Protein backbone atom coordinates (compact mmCIF):
# COMPACT_ATOMS: atom_id res chain seq x y z
CA PHE A 1 -214.22 -82.41 -1.85
CA ASP A 2 -215.12 -82.40 1.85
CA GLY A 3 -214.39 -85.76 3.46
CA CYS A 4 -211.79 -86.65 0.80
CA SER A 5 -208.69 -85.94 2.87
CA ASN A 6 -207.25 -89.38 2.08
CA LEU A 7 -207.73 -89.03 -1.67
CA LYS A 8 -204.37 -89.64 -3.38
CA GLU A 9 -205.30 -89.58 -7.09
CA LEU A 10 -207.79 -87.35 -8.88
CA SER A 11 -208.73 -87.27 -12.55
CA LEU A 12 -210.49 -84.17 -13.85
CA ASN A 13 -209.83 -84.81 -17.54
CA ASN A 14 -212.21 -83.50 -20.22
CA ASN A 15 -214.10 -81.02 -18.05
CA LYS A 16 -213.54 -77.64 -19.78
CA ILE A 17 -211.70 -76.43 -16.66
CA THR A 18 -210.07 -73.04 -17.20
CA GLU A 19 -208.15 -72.70 -13.92
CA ILE A 20 -206.92 -74.94 -11.13
CA ARG A 21 -208.67 -74.05 -7.89
CA GLY A 22 -210.60 -75.53 -4.99
CA LEU A 23 -208.25 -78.46 -4.47
CA ASN A 24 -206.11 -77.01 -1.64
CA GLN A 25 -207.48 -79.26 1.12
CA LEU A 26 -206.55 -82.45 -0.77
CA SER A 27 -203.32 -84.35 -0.19
CA LEU A 28 -202.95 -85.61 -3.74
CA HIS A 29 -200.04 -87.60 -5.14
CA VAL A 30 -201.42 -87.80 -8.69
CA LEU A 31 -203.48 -85.16 -10.51
CA HIS A 32 -204.84 -85.52 -14.06
CA LEU A 33 -206.10 -82.35 -15.74
CA ASN A 34 -205.74 -83.35 -19.40
CA ASN A 35 -207.96 -82.03 -22.20
CA ASN A 36 -209.24 -78.94 -20.43
CA ARG A 37 -208.87 -75.22 -21.14
CA ILE A 38 -206.19 -74.34 -18.59
CA SER A 39 -203.92 -71.51 -19.78
CA LYS A 40 -201.97 -70.81 -16.57
CA ILE A 41 -200.45 -73.19 -14.03
CA SER A 42 -201.58 -71.91 -10.66
CA GLY A 43 -203.38 -73.11 -7.55
CA LEU A 44 -200.89 -75.90 -6.90
CA GLU A 45 -198.88 -74.15 -4.19
CA GLU A 46 -200.24 -76.38 -1.40
CA PHE A 47 -199.56 -79.69 -3.14
CA GLY A 48 -196.33 -80.62 -1.34
CA LYS A 49 -196.89 -84.35 -1.94
CA LEU A 50 -197.78 -84.14 -5.63
CA GLN A 51 -195.62 -86.63 -7.55
CA THR A 52 -197.40 -86.87 -10.90
CA LEU A 53 -199.08 -84.02 -12.77
CA HIS A 54 -200.76 -84.42 -16.16
CA LEU A 55 -201.70 -81.18 -17.93
CA SER A 56 -201.71 -82.39 -21.53
CA ASN A 57 -203.84 -80.78 -24.23
CA ASN A 58 -204.58 -77.49 -22.54
CA ASN A 59 -203.59 -73.92 -23.52
CA ILE A 60 -200.48 -73.57 -21.34
CA ARG A 61 -197.70 -71.24 -22.55
CA SER A 62 -195.68 -70.75 -19.37
CA LEU A 63 -194.33 -73.19 -16.80
CA ARG A 64 -194.47 -70.66 -13.98
CA GLY A 65 -196.41 -72.04 -11.05
CA LEU A 66 -194.50 -75.30 -10.73
CA GLN A 67 -191.57 -74.04 -8.66
CA GLY A 68 -192.89 -75.22 -5.29
CA LYS A 69 -193.60 -78.84 -6.21
CA MET A 70 -190.39 -80.31 -4.82
CA VAL A 71 -191.51 -83.97 -5.03
CA LEU A 72 -192.88 -83.85 -8.58
CA SER A 73 -191.34 -86.77 -10.50
CA GLU A 74 -193.55 -86.92 -13.62
CA LEU A 75 -194.90 -84.01 -15.62
CA ARG A 76 -196.91 -84.41 -18.83
CA LEU A 77 -197.48 -81.24 -20.84
CA GLU A 78 -197.82 -82.48 -24.41
CA GLY A 79 -200.20 -80.67 -26.72
CA ASN A 80 -199.93 -77.23 -25.15
CA ASP A 81 -198.63 -73.89 -26.47
CA ILE A 82 -195.16 -73.76 -24.92
CA ILE A 83 -192.95 -71.83 -27.33
CA ASP A 84 -189.90 -70.59 -25.41
CA LEU A 85 -187.01 -72.84 -24.35
CA LEU A 86 -186.35 -70.46 -21.46
CA GLU A 87 -189.57 -71.73 -19.86
CA ILE A 88 -187.69 -74.94 -19.14
CA LYS A 89 -185.64 -73.10 -16.52
CA GLN A 90 -188.84 -72.97 -14.44
CA LEU A 91 -188.38 -76.73 -13.93
CA GLN A 92 -184.79 -76.59 -12.65
CA ASN A 93 -186.03 -76.39 -9.06
CA LEU A 94 -187.71 -79.79 -9.36
CA PRO A 95 -184.79 -82.08 -8.44
CA LEU A 96 -186.94 -85.23 -8.36
CA LEU A 97 -188.42 -84.70 -11.83
CA ARG A 98 -187.49 -87.76 -13.90
CA ARG A 99 -190.13 -87.93 -16.65
CA LEU A 100 -191.08 -84.94 -18.76
CA THR A 101 -193.30 -85.01 -21.83
CA LEU A 102 -193.54 -81.93 -24.04
CA MET A 103 -194.40 -83.48 -27.42
CA SER A 104 -196.68 -81.43 -29.71
CA ASN A 105 -195.59 -78.10 -28.24
CA PRO A 106 -194.07 -75.49 -30.59
CA LEU A 107 -190.73 -75.55 -28.73
CA THR A 108 -190.10 -79.18 -29.70
CA SER A 109 -189.41 -78.07 -33.29
CA LEU A 110 -186.63 -75.68 -32.24
CA PRO A 111 -183.04 -76.59 -33.17
CA ASP A 112 -181.28 -78.60 -30.46
CA TYR A 113 -184.51 -78.83 -28.43
CA ARG A 114 -183.59 -82.14 -26.81
CA ALA A 115 -179.99 -81.10 -26.09
CA HIS A 116 -181.17 -77.84 -24.47
CA LEU A 117 -183.57 -79.70 -22.21
CA LEU A 118 -180.95 -82.23 -21.19
CA PHE A 119 -178.52 -79.42 -20.42
CA TYR A 120 -180.98 -77.53 -18.21
CA LEU A 121 -182.63 -80.60 -16.68
CA ASN A 122 -179.81 -83.11 -16.40
CA HIS A 123 -181.65 -85.08 -13.71
CA LEU A 124 -184.29 -86.36 -16.18
CA SER A 125 -184.41 -90.05 -17.05
CA HIS A 126 -187.06 -89.81 -19.82
CA LEU A 127 -187.92 -87.00 -22.20
CA ASP A 128 -190.93 -87.26 -24.48
CA GLU A 129 -191.34 -90.91 -23.52
CA VAL A 130 -187.81 -91.78 -24.66
CA LYS A 131 -185.18 -92.97 -22.18
CA ILE A 132 -182.25 -90.58 -21.94
CA LEU A 133 -178.84 -92.12 -22.48
CA PRO A 134 -175.84 -90.93 -20.43
CA GLU A 135 -174.10 -90.12 -23.72
CA GLU A 136 -176.88 -87.64 -24.57
CA LYS A 137 -176.40 -85.82 -21.27
CA ILE A 138 -172.64 -85.63 -21.82
CA ALA A 139 -173.11 -84.38 -25.40
CA ALA A 140 -175.53 -81.68 -24.19
CA LEU A 141 -173.10 -80.55 -21.51
CA ASN A 142 -170.23 -80.49 -24.02
CA GLN A 143 -172.37 -78.51 -26.47
CA PHE A 144 -173.54 -75.77 -24.10
CA ASP A 145 -170.92 -75.69 -21.33
CA PRO A 146 -167.88 -77.66 -22.44
CA PRO A 147 -165.06 -78.41 -20.00
CA LEU A 148 -161.66 -76.91 -20.85
CA GLU A 149 -160.40 -80.30 -22.10
CA VAL A 150 -163.17 -80.42 -24.71
CA ILE A 151 -162.45 -76.84 -25.82
CA ALA A 152 -158.75 -77.66 -26.11
CA ALA A 153 -159.51 -80.82 -28.12
CA GLN A 154 -161.84 -78.86 -30.44
CA ASN A 155 -159.20 -76.14 -30.96
CA HIS A 156 -156.53 -78.77 -31.65
CA THR A 157 -158.78 -80.53 -34.18
CA MET A 158 -159.57 -77.24 -35.92
CA HIS A 159 -155.85 -76.41 -36.08
CA ILE A 160 -155.07 -79.82 -37.66
CA VAL A 161 -157.89 -79.46 -40.19
CA LYS A 162 -156.78 -75.94 -41.04
CA ASN A 163 -153.22 -77.17 -41.63
CA LEU A 164 -154.50 -79.98 -43.86
CA ILE A 165 -156.56 -77.57 -45.96
CA HIS A 166 -153.98 -74.77 -46.04
CA PRO A 167 -150.51 -76.26 -45.40
CA SER A 168 -147.96 -73.68 -44.38
CA ILE A 169 -144.97 -72.89 -46.57
CA SER A 170 -142.57 -74.40 -44.00
CA SER A 171 -144.37 -77.75 -44.33
CA GLN A 172 -144.00 -77.65 -48.10
CA VAL A 173 -140.24 -77.01 -47.90
CA SER A 174 -139.54 -80.09 -45.78
């Protein structure tokens, strides 16, 4: 890649690549590495200007290796082997990340998958190619870290329902 210092977008799709290396001298904004054999995200430490990264249909299980990409706004990882929801925490240090695609990964079939992602990555605007509604973000927050007002409202509702199902003796006397 000598003499390609102004290269902004590079597509290396469908090349049986097993690891990301040899791209350090490039100042890329967009990198496509779909349909390869990459199992580990590494070799991207020097890509401070990388905005879009496509790693779909590889063999990736972990999201480690993305922490330093502070300007990454789009990440496509569909069709990999990501199983654990805790891997999503690796993306919390990407404040500009707006679009994330994880379709066809085992973790997408987990209960409350979408709500978990919205809770951990509340700065996203699109998840799996679907626009995120503000109501979804609020519901995720209320589900996993509810404010005291929500807890009080839930407790009050449960108390009312309990009294409807099992009225107390004092209610029956009046």
